[in-house]
C-alpha atoms as a PDB file:
ATOM      1  CA  MET A   1       0.000   0.000   0.000  1.00  0.00           C
ATOM      2  CA  GLU A   2       2.900   2.309   0.720  1.00  0.00           C
ATOM      3  CA  GLU A   3       4.080   1.918  -2.871  1.00  0.00           C
ATOM      4  CA  ALA A   4       0.622   2.529  -4.336  1.00  0.00           C
ATOM      5  CA  ILE A   5      -0.241   5.547  -2.167  1.00  0.00           C
ATOM      6  CA  PRO A   6       2.568   8.082  -1.748  1.00  0.00           C
ATOM      7  CA  HIS A   7       3.204   9.508   1.757  1.00  0.00           C
ATOM      8  CA  SER A   8       1.270   6.689   3.428  1.00  0.00           C
ATOM      9  CA  HIS A   9       2.213   4.281   6.174  1.00  0.00           C
ATOM     10  CA  ALA A  10       0.869   0.706   6.301  1.00  0.00           C
ATOM     11  CA  GLU A  11       1.332  -1.870   9.041  1.00  0.00           C
ATOM     12  CA  GLN A  12       0.429  -5.497   9.125  1.00  0.00           C
ATOM     13  CA  ILE A  13      -2.030  -6.508  11.777  1.00  0.00           C
ATOM     14  CA  ARG A  14      -0.280  -9.436  13.441  1.00  0.00           C
ATOM     15  CA  GLN A  15      -3.385 -11.136  14.830  1.00  0.00           C
ATOM     16  CA  VAL A  16      -5.128 -11.249  11.443  1.00  0.00           C
ATOM     17  CA  ALA A  17      -2.016 -12.661   9.780  1.00  0.00           C
ATOM     18  CA  GLN A  18      -1.648 -15.325  12.474  1.00  0.00           C
ATOM     19  CA  ASN A  19      -5.308 -16.320  12.167  1.00  0.00           C
ATOM     20  CA  GLU A  20      -4.978 -16.596   8.395  1.00  0.00           C
ATOM     21  CA  GLY A  21      -1.916 -18.781   8.848  1.00  0.00           C
ATOM     22  CA  ALA A  22      -3.753 -21.022  11.313  1.00  0.00           C
ATOM     23  CA  VAL A  23      -6.713 -21.391   8.943  1.00  0.00           C
ATOM     24  CA  LEU A  24      -4.419 -22.234   6.034  1.00  0.00           C
ATOM     25  CA  THR A  25      -2.595 -24.820   8.137  1.00  0.00           C
ATOM     26  CA  ARG A  26      -5.884 -26.473   9.071  1.00  0.00           C
ATOM     27  CA  ILE A  27      -7.062 -26.461   5.460  1.00  0.00           C
ATOM     28  CA  GLU A  28      -3.780 -28.067   4.358  1.00  0.00           C
ATOM     29  CA  GLY A  29      -4.224 -30.759   6.994  1.00  0.00           C
ATOM     30  CA  LEU A  30      -7.793 -31.381   5.891  1.00  0.00           C
ATOM     31  CA  ILE A  31      -6.748 -31.651   2.246  1.00  0.00           C
ATOM     32  CA  PHE A  32      -3.999 -34.091   3.250  1.00  0.00           C
ATOM     33  CA  LEU A  33      -6.514 -36.268   5.130  1.00  0.00           C
ATOM     34  CA  VAL A  34      -8.951 -36.198   2.202  1.00  0.00           C
ATOM     35  CA  THR A  35      -6.112 -37.222  -0.120  1.00  0.00           C
ATOM     36  CA  LEU A  36      -5.170 -40.136   2.146  1.00  0.00           C
ATOM     37  CA  ALA A  37      -8.815 -41.221   2.332  1.00  0.00           C
ATOM     38  CA  ALA A  38      -9.086 -41.096  -1.475  1.00  0.00           C
ATOM     39  CA  LEU A  39      -5.914 -43.171  -1.879  1.00  0.00           C
ATOM     40  CA  PHE A  40      -7.197 -45.717   0.664  1.00  0.00           C
ATOM     41  CA  ALA A  41     -10.569 -45.919  -1.093  1.00  0.00           C
ATOM     42  CA  SER A  42      -8.790 -46.384  -4.424  1.00  0.00           C
ATOM     43  CA  ALA A  43      -6.699 -49.206  -2.997  1.00  0.00           C
ATOM     44  CA  LEU A  44      -9.857 -50.883  -1.665  1.00  0.00           C
ATOM     45  CA  ALA A  45     -11.541 -50.567  -5.060  1.00  0.00           C
ATOM     46  CA  VAL A  46      -8.507 -52.070  -6.793  1.00  0.00           C
ATOM     47  CA  SER A  47      -8.432 -54.870  -4.250  1.00  0.00           C
ATOM     48  CA  ALA A  48     -12.094 -55.688  -4.826  1.00  0.00           C
ATOM     49  CA  ALA A  49     -11.680 -55.606  -8.609  1.00  0.00           C
ATOM     50  CA  MET A  50      -8.594 -57.837  -8.508  1.00  0.00           C
ATOM     51  CA  ALA A  51     -10.215 -60.295  -6.105  1.00  0.00           C
ATOM     52  CA  THR A  52     -13.219 -60.516  -8.420  1.00  0.00           C
ATOM     53  CA  ALA A  53     -11.008 -61.032 -11.474  1.00  0.00           C
ATOM     54  CA  ILE A  54      -9.046 -63.797  -9.761  1.00  0.00           C
ATOM     55  CA  PHE A  55     -12.240 -65.442  -8.475  1.00  0.00           C
ATOM     56  CA  GLU A  56     -13.730 -65.414 -11.987  1.00  0.00           C
ATOM     57  CA  ARG A  57     -10.531 -66.770 -13.520  1.00  0.00           C
ATOM     58  CA  ARG A  58      -9.505 -69.214 -10.800  1.00  0.00           C
ATOM     59  CA  ALA A  59      -9.725 -72.135 -13.237  1.00  0.00           C
ATOM     60  CA  GLU A  60      -7.254 -70.375 -15.543  1.00  0.00           C
ATOM     61  CA  VAL A  61      -4.950 -69.656 -12.617  1.00  0.00           C
ATOM     62  CA  GLY A  62      -5.189 -73.292 -11.516  1.00  0.00           C
ATOM     63  CA  LEU A  63      -4.438 -74.475 -15.054  1.00  0.00           C
ATOM     64  CA  MET A  64      -1.412 -72.181 -15.328  1.00  0.00           C
ATOM     65  CA  LYS A  65      -0.107 -73.436 -11.994  1.00  0.00           C
ATOM     66  CA  ALA A  66      -0.779 -77.074 -12.952  1.00  0.00           C
ATOM     67  CA  LEU A  67       1.187 -76.562 -16.174  1.00  0.00           C
ATOM     68  CA  GLY A  68       4.156 -75.282 -14.188  1.00  0.00           C
ATOM     69  CA  ALA A  69       3.793 -71.510 -14.244  1.00  0.00           C
ATOM     70  CA  GLU A  70       5.977 -69.867 -11.673  1.00  0.00           C
ATOM     71  CA  ALA A  71       4.382 -68.053  -8.771  1.00  0.00           C
ATOM     72  CA  GLY A  72       4.746 -64.575 -10.252  1.00  0.00           C
ATOM     73  CA  GLY A  73       4.875 -65.272 -13.977  1.00  0.00           C
ATOM     74  CA  GLY A  74       1.451 -66.737 -14.564  1.00  0.00           C
ATOM     75  CA  ILE A  75      -0.303 -64.369 -12.237  1.00  0.00           C
ATOM     76  CA  CYS A  76       1.077 -61.351 -14.094  1.00  0.00           C
ATOM     77  CA  VAL A  77      -1.321 -62.204 -16.914  1.00  0.00           C
ATOM     78  CA  LEU A  78      -4.105 -61.162 -14.560  1.00  0.00           C
ATOM     79  CA  CYS A  79      -2.364 -57.885 -13.796  1.00  0.00           C
ATOM     80  CA  GLY A  80      -2.076 -56.929 -17.452  1.00  0.00           C
ATOM     81  CA  GLY A  81      -3.181 -53.617 -18.833  1.00  0.00           C
ATOM     82  CA  ASP A  82      -0.528 -51.533 -17.159  1.00  0.00           C
ATOM     83  CA  VAL A  83       0.271 -49.657 -20.363  1.00  0.00           C
ATOM     84  CA  ALA A  84      -3.414 -49.008 -21.013  1.00  0.00           C
ATOM     85  CA  GLY A  85      -3.766 -47.958 -17.384  1.00  0.00           C
ATOM     86  CA  SER A  86      -0.914 -45.464 -17.746  1.00  0.00           C
ATOM     87  CA  VAL A  87      -2.554 -43.979 -20.830  1.00  0.00           C
ATOM     88  CA  ARG A  88      -5.831 -43.645 -18.923  1.00  0.00           C
ATOM     89  CA  ARG A  89      -4.037 -42.094 -15.953  1.00  0.00           C
ATOM     90  CA  SER A  90      -2.346 -39.566 -18.242  1.00  0.00           C
ATOM     91  CA  GLY A  91      -5.715 -38.733 -19.764  1.00  0.00           C
ATOM     92  CA  GLY A  92      -7.157 -38.306 -16.290  1.00  0.00           C
ATOM     93  CA  PHE A  93      -4.270 -36.011 -15.380  1.00  0.00           C
ATOM     94  CA  ALA A  94      -4.939 -33.854 -18.454  1.00  0.00           C
ATOM     95  CA  ALA A  95      -8.701 -33.778 -17.827  1.00  0.00           C
ATOM     96  CA  GLY A  96      -8.161 -32.924 -14.147  1.00  0.00           C
ATOM     97  CA  GLY A  97      -5.768 -30.136 -15.109  1.00  0.00           C
ATOM     98  CA  MET A  98      -8.283 -28.649 -17.525  1.00  0.00           C
ATOM     99  CA  LEU A  99     -11.052 -28.933 -14.926  1.00  0.00           C
ATOM    100  CA  ALA A 100      -8.891 -27.271 -12.249  1.00  0.00           C
ATOM    101  CA  HIS A 101      -8.003 -24.495 -14.697  1.00  0.00           C
ATOM    102  CA  GLN A 102     -11.705 -23.933 -15.519  1.00  0.00           C
ATOM    103  CA  ILE A 103     -12.772 -23.964 -11.850  1.00  0.00           C
ATOM    104  CA  GLY A 104      -9.986 -21.568 -10.883  1.00  0.00           C
ATOM    105  CA  ARG A 105     -10.959 -19.175 -13.634  1.00  0.00           C
ATOM    106  CA  SER A 106     -14.734 -19.287 -13.086  1.00  0.00           C
ATOM    107  CA  ILE A 107     -14.951 -19.461  -9.288  1.00  0.00           C
ATOM    108  CA  PHE A 108     -11.763 -17.858  -8.001  1.00  0.00           C
ATOM    109  CA  SER A 109     -10.990 -15.551 -10.959  1.00  0.00           C
ATOM    110  CA  SER A 110      -7.392 -16.733 -10.980  1.00  0.00           C
ATOM    111  CA  GLU A 111      -5.213 -18.906 -13.163  1.00  0.00           C
ATOM    112  CA  ILE A 112      -4.276 -22.342 -11.873  1.00  0.00           C
ATOM    113  CA  THR A 113      -1.234 -23.876 -13.465  1.00  0.00           C
ATOM    114  CA  ILE A 114      -0.316 -27.509 -13.018  1.00  0.00           C
ATOM    115  CA  SER A 115       3.296 -28.378 -13.565  1.00  0.00           C
ATOM    116  CA  PRO A 116       3.921 -31.220 -16.031  1.00  0.00           C
ATOM    117  CA  VAL A 117       6.545 -32.501 -13.578  1.00  0.00           C
ATOM    118  CA  LEU A 118       3.655 -33.798 -11.466  1.00  0.00           C
ATOM    119  CA  LEU A 119       2.621 -36.337 -14.130  1.00  0.00           C
ATOM    120  CA  PRO A 120       5.396 -38.879 -13.390  1.00  0.00           C
ATOM    121  CA  VAL A 121       4.876 -38.433  -9.650  1.00  0.00           C
ATOM    122  CA  ILE A 122       1.150 -39.083 -10.004  1.00  0.00           C
ATOM    123  CA  LEU A 123       1.773 -42.094 -12.251  1.00  0.00           C
ATOM    124  CA  VAL A 124       4.158 -43.577  -9.671  1.00  0.00           C
ATOM    125  CA  ILE A 125       1.641 -43.010  -6.862  1.00  0.00           C
ATOM    126  CA  ALA A 126      -1.100 -44.616  -8.974  1.00  0.00           C
ATOM    127  CA  VAL A 127       1.053 -47.678  -9.664  1.00  0.00           C
ATOM    128  CA  ILE A 128       1.926 -47.980  -5.963  1.00  0.00           C
ATOM    129  CA  VAL A 129      -1.751 -47.781  -4.995  1.00  0.00           C
ATOM    130  CA  THR A 130      -2.600 -50.358  -7.672  1.00  0.00           C
ATOM    131  CA  PHE A 131       0.022 -52.823  -6.463  1.00  0.00           C
ATOM    132  CA  ALA A 132      -0.783 -52.215  -2.803  1.00  0.00           C
ATOM    133  CA  GLY A 133      -4.462 -52.767  -3.463  1.00  0.00           C
ATOM    134  CA  SER A 134      -3.996 -55.921  -5.493  1.00  0.00           C
ATOM    135  CA  ALA A 135      -1.275 -57.495  -3.334  1.00  0.00           C
ATOM    136  CA  ALA A 136      -3.659 -59.461  -1.108  1.00  0.00           C
ATOM    137  CA  ALA A 137      -5.628 -60.873  -4.048  1.00  0.00           C
ATOM    138  CA  ILE A 138      -2.439 -61.819  -5.920  1.00  0.00           C
ATOM    139  CA  ARG A 139      -1.031 -63.446  -2.790  1.00  0.00           C
ATOM    140  CA  LYS A 140      -4.192 -65.518  -2.539  1.00  0.00           C
ATOM    141  CA  ALA A 141      -3.960 -66.512  -6.220  1.00  0.00           C
ATOM    142  CA  VAL A 142      -0.327 -67.546  -5.793  1.00  0.00           C
ATOM    143  CA  GLY A 143      -1.297 -69.784  -2.894  1.00  0.00           C
ATOM    144  CA  LEU A 144      -4.219 -71.308  -4.808  1.00  0.00           C
ATOM    145  CA  ASP A 145      -4.067 -75.091  -5.049  1.00  0.00           C
ATOM    146  CA  PRO A 146      -4.449 -76.094  -8.719  1.00  0.00           C
ATOM    147  CA  VAL A 147      -6.396 -79.248  -7.873  1.00  0.00           C
ATOM    148  CA  PHE A 148      -9.142 -77.357  -6.063  1.00  0.00           C
ATOM    149  CA  ALA A 149      -9.148 -74.538  -8.638  1.00  0.00           C
ATOM    150  CA  LEU A 150      -9.628 -76.945 -11.549  1.00  0.00           C
ATOM    151  CA  ARG A 151     -12.428 -78.748  -9.715  1.00  0.00           C
ATOM    152  CA  GLY A 152     -14.187 -75.442  -9.156  1.00  0.00           C
ATOM    153  CA  GLU A 153     -13.826 -75.597  -5.390  1.00  0.00           C
ATOM    154  CA  LEU A 154     -12.621 -72.731  -3.256  1.00  0.00           C
END
């Protein structure tokens, strides 16, 4: 204000600045918790989808194991689609960036820029969540007895 209005004197009100800082800290914490909840929910959704896929294809898993597939090799067939998943994640990143830009412009009257450096970080986090979510179902498929799987028993 001192630069905009000549011969003026402006002082910061300490209490207002501290309150703003406290509110921003709480909002950051809330956003962090919401992000963790979203990642946990995503991992649960991946786990449910993988468990369903393995349950539906347990005869194929049993056949692969009966034919001598190694513990990790045959099961990776069920985890396929990683390249397609990365393409979808990149598309989601682009769509989310455009949506954030539009919301920032229409609601907050400000420009929101998303750094392209975030794309690899987000892809890595997505892959980690995918593997963490599907680990239990894959572990169960690895331990599946081929005899029971081929008979259709659980």
